[in-house]
Amino acid sequence: MRPQSMTGYGRGTSDNFKVEVRTSNHKNLDIHLNIPHYLYSYDHEIRKNVRKKCSRGRIDIYMPKQEVESVKLKVNKALAREYFEALVSLKNELLISEEVGIDLLASQRDIFLVDEPDIDENELFSAVESALEELAKSRAEEGGHLADDIRNRLKLLDEYLLRVEGRRGEYIADARQKLHDRLKEFLGDVQMDESRLIQETAVIIEKSDITEEIVRIKSHMKQFREVLESGDTIGKKLDFIVQEMRREVNTISSKTHDIDIATNVVEMRHEIEKIKEQVQNLQ
């Protein structure tokens, strides 16, 4: 499957129903329904259908009231009578001269009932399904753009890492020589076993070697590409791998003091942050 963005829009219609679905970023699946009260009994089933299509993101579903040619209005006569008798009693008790009329009764809205439209479940869920299918296409299209941008940034990471790797050998040789010369200068005429000096120098240099970090970054980038191409729900997996990549780059930065390596590390950090931003938009 193609990677899907968490942002998108879908619209579905049937003879009597209209459904709009909008999605935005969210670390988990967060479904919000704005539907007429007479559809509340279908809330669970609608959410169930959404979960089949979406695993992450905020999902906002809007369904306006059905458009019907005629509205049947009913009067709760028993309740109206209770209102009337209560108002007349209050009028007499308070010695109010004004008569209790139809205008006063009409202001009591709860005595009026509106027949709700008949629900055709097939039509309802046909509209929901159409909206979710259009949403999936929208999210897949946006996800494709995000994936292309991420691939381009991975290529840049490859280039920067290649430069760091190429400079690594020279950096170690230069650092070894500089450390050796400083120790000689510090010791002065004091005699020291040359083999011991070389051994101690090697230990210090080993602590600044970035070979393992380079190997791990390559492994993370390989895994990242594999997950990216697998599609489906990949956002959380990629986000974890990006954090591992960033950790290795930070370690390289702390272990080396070479200007060329530092320059490329800065660029790598920049690209990794951009990748992280894009990954957080993926489902």
Protein backbone atom coordinates (compact mmCIF):
# COMPACT_ATOMS: atom_id res chain seq x y z
CA MET A 1 0.00 0.00 0.00
CA ARG A 2 1.05 3.61 -0.55
CA PRO A 3 1.85 5.72 2.51
CA GLN A 4 -1.12 7.76 3.65
CA SER A 5 -1.11 11.25 5.08
CA MET A 6 -3.16 11.96 8.18
CA THR A 7 -4.71 15.01 6.48
CA GLY A 8 -7.41 14.64 3.86
CA TYR A 9 -11.01 15.20 2.84
CA GLY A 10 -13.79 12.96 1.58
CA ARG A 11 -17.42 13.49 0.61
CA GLY A 12 -20.13 10.91 0.04
CA THR A 13 -23.77 11.20 -0.99
CA SER A 14 -26.79 9.01 -1.49
CA ASP A 15 -30.43 9.86 -2.20
CA ASN A 16 -31.09 11.14 1.30
CA PHE A 17 -27.70 11.48 3.00
CA LYS A 18 -24.62 13.66 2.70
CA VAL A 19 -21.42 12.87 4.57
CA GLU A 20 -18.25 14.97 4.85
CA VAL A 21 -15.05 13.68 6.43
CA ARG A 22 -12.05 15.84 7.29
CA THR A 23 -8.90 14.53 8.93
CA SER A 24 -5.92 16.17 10.58
CA ASN A 25 -2.84 15.18 12.55
CA HIS A 26 -3.17 13.38 15.86
CA LYS A 27 -0.87 10.85 17.51
CA ASN A 28 -3.78 8.43 18.01
CA LEU A 29 -7.17 7.82 16.39
CA ASP A 30 -9.62 10.49 17.57
CA ILE A 31 -13.11 10.33 15.98
CA HIS A 32 -15.60 13.19 16.28
CA LEU A 33 -19.16 12.91 14.91
CA ASN A 34 -21.45 15.84 14.18
CA ILE A 35 -24.68 14.11 13.18
CA PRO A 36 -28.44 14.68 13.67
CA HIS A 37 -29.83 13.30 16.89
CA TYR A 38 -31.98 10.77 15.06
CA LEU A 39 -28.77 9.09 13.84
CA TYR A 40 -27.26 8.69 17.31
CA SER A 41 -28.17 5.02 17.35
CA TYR A 42 -25.80 4.53 14.37
CA ASP A 43 -22.87 6.21 16.13
CA HIS A 44 -21.12 2.95 17.06
CA GLU A 45 -21.44 1.44 13.58
CA ILE A 46 -20.18 4.60 11.88
CA ARG A 47 -17.14 4.66 14.17
CA LYS A 48 -16.54 0.98 13.45
CA ASN A 49 -16.43 1.70 9.70
CA VAL A 50 -14.00 4.56 10.26
CA ARG A 51 -11.63 2.36 12.27
CA LYS A 52 -11.44 -0.06 9.36
CA LYS A 53 -10.05 2.71 7.16
CA CYS A 54 -8.06 4.88 9.56
CA SER A 55 -5.60 4.04 12.32
CA ARG A 56 -4.31 7.51 13.26
CA GLY A 57 -5.42 11.12 13.10
CA ARG A 58 -8.33 13.27 14.17
CA ILE A 59 -11.40 12.32 12.14
CA ASP A 60 -14.24 14.86 11.91
CA ILE A 61 -17.46 13.56 10.34
CA TYR A 62 -20.30 15.92 9.51
CA MET A 63 -23.76 14.79 8.41
CA PRO A 64 -26.44 17.49 7.96
CA LYS A 65 -30.12 16.74 8.54
CA GLN A 66 -31.90 15.03 5.69
CA GLU A 67 -33.74 17.24 3.27
CA VAL A 68 -37.38 16.11 3.24
CA GLU A 69 -40.19 17.43 1.06
CA SER A 70 -42.69 17.69 3.91
CA VAL A 71 -42.41 17.83 7.65
CA LYS A 72 -45.06 16.26 9.83
CA LEU A 73 -45.72 18.33 12.93
CA LYS A 74 -47.51 16.76 15.88
CA VAL A 75 -48.88 18.39 19.03
CA ASN A 76 -48.63 16.75 22.39
CA LYS A 77 -52.21 17.63 23.36
CA ALA A 78 -52.00 16.15 26.84
CA LEU A 79 -48.95 18.26 27.63
CA ALA A 80 -50.57 21.34 26.05
CA ARG A 81 -53.62 20.86 28.25
CA GLU A 82 -51.41 20.61 31.34
CA TYR A 83 -49.66 23.83 30.35
CA PHE A 84 -53.01 25.59 29.78
CA GLU A 85 -54.48 24.49 33.10
CA ALA A 86 -51.33 25.45 34.96
CA LEU A 87 -51.25 28.89 33.32
CA VAL A 88 -54.95 29.52 34.02
CA SER A 89 -54.43 28.51 37.65
CA LEU A 90 -51.47 30.86 37.94
CA LYS A 91 -53.50 33.66 36.27
CA ASN A 92 -56.34 33.30 38.77
CA GLU A 93 -54.02 33.05 41.75
CA LEU A 94 -52.12 36.20 40.75
CA LEU A 95 -55.30 38.04 39.70
CA ILE A 96 -53.99 38.64 36.19
CA SER A 97 -56.65 40.05 33.88
CA GLU A 98 -54.99 38.96 30.65
CA GLU A 99 -56.47 35.83 29.09
CA VAL A 100 -54.38 32.72 28.47
CA GLY A 101 -54.37 32.40 24.69
CA ILE A 102 -52.88 30.33 21.90
CA ASP A 103 -49.88 32.65 21.54
CA LEU A 104 -48.74 31.85 25.06
CA LEU A 105 -49.23 28.13 24.53
CA ALA A 106 -47.39 28.24 21.20
CA SER A 107 -44.32 29.60 22.97
CA GLN A 108 -44.00 26.31 24.87
CA ARG A 109 -41.94 24.49 22.27
CA ASP A 110 -41.84 21.14 23.97
CA ILE A 111 -45.51 20.52 23.16
CA PHE A 112 -44.61 20.25 19.46
CA LEU A 113 -43.14 17.08 17.99
CA VAL A 114 -41.58 16.67 14.54
CA ASP A 115 -41.67 13.26 12.92
CA GLU A 116 -38.12 12.21 12.12
CA PRO A 117 -37.38 10.93 8.60
CA ASP A 118 -37.30 7.22 7.95
CA ILE A 119 -33.73 5.87 7.96
CA ASP A 120 -32.58 3.70 5.07
CA GLU A 121 -29.49 2.03 6.54
CA ASN A 122 -28.18 0.96 3.13
CA GLU A 123 -28.27 4.55 1.90
CA LEU A 124 -26.72 5.85 5.11
CA PHE A 125 -23.74 3.53 5.06
CA SER A 126 -23.36 3.82 1.31
CA ALA A 127 -22.78 7.56 1.80
CA VAL A 128 -20.39 6.90 4.70
CA GLU A 129 -18.43 4.36 2.65
CA SER A 130 -18.19 6.73 -0.35
CA ALA A 131 -16.85 9.50 1.88
CA LEU A 132 -14.26 7.19 3.45
CA GLU A 133 -13.13 5.92 0.04
CA GLU A 134 -12.67 9.47 -1.24
CA LEU A 135 -10.83 10.29 1.98
CA ALA A 136 -8.48 7.34 1.46
CA LYS A 137 -7.65 8.57 -2.06
CA SER A 138 -7.01 12.06 -0.76
CA ARG A 139 -4.76 10.80 2.03
CA ALA A 140 -2.89 8.47 -0.33
CA GLU A 141 -2.21 11.30 -2.77
CA GLU A 142 -0.92 13.58 -0.03
CA GLY A 143 1.03 10.67 1.45
CA GLY A 144 2.72 10.13 -1.91
CA HIS A 145 3.93 13.74 -1.94
CA LEU A 146 5.25 13.38 1.61
CA ALA A 147 7.05 10.13 0.76
CA ASP A 148 8.70 11.73 -2.30
CA ASP A 149 9.98 14.60 -0.18
CA ILE A 150 11.31 12.15 2.43
CA ARG A 151 13.10 10.10 -0.26
CA ASN A 152 14.81 13.22 -1.57
CA ARG A 153 15.98 14.11 1.92
CA LEU A 154 17.28 10.58 2.46
CA LYS A 155 19.42 11.00 -0.66
CA LEU A 156 20.87 14.17 0.84
CA LEU A 157 21.57 12.28 4.05
CA ASP A 158 23.42 9.65 2.02
CA GLU A 159 25.63 12.37 0.52
CA TYR A 160 26.43 14.01 3.85
CA LEU A 161 27.12 10.67 5.50
CA LEU A 162 29.44 9.71 2.62
CA ARG A 163 31.40 12.91 3.19
CA VAL A 164 31.64 12.22 6.91
CA GLU A 165 32.79 8.67 6.24
CA GLY A 166 35.37 9.89 3.73
CA ARG A 167 36.76 12.40 6.20
CA ARG A 168 36.77 9.91 9.09
CA GLY A 169 40.06 8.23 8.12
CA GLU A 170 41.91 11.52 7.71
CA TYR A 171 40.46 12.85 10.95
CA ILE A 172 41.64 9.81 12.94
CA ALA A 173 45.14 10.01 11.41
CA ASP A 174 45.39 13.76 12.10
CA ALA A 175 44.06 13.36 15.65
CA ARG A 176 46.50 10.52 16.37
CA GLN A 177 49.46 12.54 15.19
CA LYS A 178 48.41 15.68 17.06
CA LEU A 179 47.87 13.74 20.28
CA HIS A 180 51.18 11.94 19.89
CA ASP A 181 53.01 15.24 19.37
CA ARG A 182 51.30 16.87 22.37
CA LEU A 183 52.19 13.99 24.67
CA LYS A 184 55.81 14.15 23.52
CA GLU A 185 55.84 17.89 24.13
CA PHE A 186 54.23 17.49 27.55
CA LEU A 187 56.60 14.76 28.67
CA GLY A 188 59.64 16.61 27.41
CA ASP A 189 62.83 14.74 28.31
CA VAL A 190 61.01 12.22 30.46
CA GLN A 191 61.59 8.78 29.08
CA MET A 192 58.49 6.78 28.20
CA ASP A 193 58.08 3.46 26.52
CA GLU A 194 57.20 4.20 22.89
CA SER A 195 54.90 1.19 22.65
CA ARG A 196 53.08 2.32 25.81
CA LEU A 197 52.73 5.79 24.33
CA ILE A 198 51.24 4.38 21.16
CA GLN A 199 48.91 2.18 23.18
CA GLU A 200 47.64 5.06 25.30
CA THR A 201 47.20 7.21 22.20
CA ALA A 202 45.18 4.45 20.52
CA VAL A 203 42.86 4.20 23.54
CA ILE A 204 42.11 7.91 23.45
CA ILE A 205 41.62 7.89 19.69
CA GLU A 206 39.28 4.91 19.99
CA LYS A 207 36.94 7.02 22.11
CA SER A 208 36.60 9.53 19.30
CA ASP A 209 36.16 6.95 16.53
CA ILE A 210 32.77 7.27 14.77
CA THR A 211 32.86 4.06 12.76
CA GLU A 212 30.14 2.35 14.81
CA GLU A 213 27.86 5.37 14.57
CA ILE A 214 28.25 5.48 10.79
CA VAL A 215 27.44 1.77 10.52
CA ARG A 216 24.35 2.18 12.70
CA ILE A 217 23.09 5.20 10.74
CA LYS A 218 23.39 3.22 7.51
CA SER A 219 21.45 0.37 9.11
CA HIS A 220 18.73 2.75 10.33
CA MET A 221 18.44 4.38 6.91
CA LYS A 222 18.11 0.98 5.24
CA GLN A 223 15.37 -0.01 7.68
CA PHE A 224 13.69 3.38 7.21
CA ARG A 225 13.50 2.91 3.44
CA GLU A 226 12.08 -0.59 3.81
CA VAL A 227 9.33 0.61 6.15
CA LEU A 228 8.58 3.64 3.95
CA GLU A 229 8.09 1.45 0.88
CA SER A 230 5.90 -1.00 2.80
CA GLY A 231 3.17 1.66 3.03
CA ASP A 232 0.07 1.15 5.19
CA THR A 233 0.36 2.41 8.80
CA ILE A 234 4.01 3.39 9.06
CA GLY A 235 4.11 6.76 10.83
CA LYS A 236 4.92 5.53 14.34
CA LYS A 237 7.56 3.08 13.08
CA LEU A 238 9.31 5.73 11.01
CA ASP A 239 9.17 8.22 13.87
CA PHE A 240 11.02 5.75 16.10
CA ILE A 241 13.71 5.10 13.47
CA VAL A 242 14.20 8.84 12.93
CA GLN A 243 14.86 9.26 16.65
CA GLU A 244 17.54 6.56 16.46
CA MET A 245 19.14 8.27 13.46
CA ARG A 246 19.19 11.59 15.28
CA ARG A 247 20.78 9.95 18.33
CA GLU A 248 23.67 8.55 16.25
CA VAL A 249 24.25 11.89 14.51
CA ASN A 250 24.36 13.66 17.88
CA THR A 251 26.92 11.11 19.08
CA ILE A 252 29.11 11.81 16.05
CA SER A 253 28.89 15.51 16.82
CA SER A 254 29.97 14.99 20.43
CA LYS A 255 32.87 12.64 19.55
CA THR A 256 34.55 14.67 16.81
CA HIS A 257 35.91 18.20 16.57
CA ASP A 258 36.70 18.25 12.88
CA ILE A 259 35.30 21.28 11.03
CA ASP A 260 34.42 19.34 7.86
CA ILE A 261 32.62 16.60 9.80
CA ALA A 262 30.85 19.17 11.96
CA THR A 263 29.61 21.04 8.87
CA ASN A 264 28.10 17.87 7.39
CA VAL A 265 26.63 16.85 10.75
CA VAL A 266 24.79 20.17 10.92
CA GLU A 267 23.28 19.47 7.49
CA MET A 268 22.36 15.95 8.53
CA ARG A 269 20.58 17.26 11.61
CA HIS A 270 18.64 19.69 9.48
CA GLU A 271 17.46 16.98 7.07
CA ILE A 272 16.58 14.60 9.90
CA GLU A 273 14.41 17.27 11.55
CA LYS A 274 12.63 17.89 8.23
CA ILE A 275 12.11 14.15 7.78
CA LYS A 276 10.72 13.92 11.32
CA GLU A 277 8.21 16.70 10.53
CA GLN A 278 7.03 14.87 7.41
CA VAL A 279 6.88 11.51 9.17
CA GLN A 280 4.57 12.96 11.81
CA ASN A 281 2.09 13.71 9.00
CA LEU A 282 1.95 10.04 7.95
CA GLN A 283 -0.66 7.62 9.21
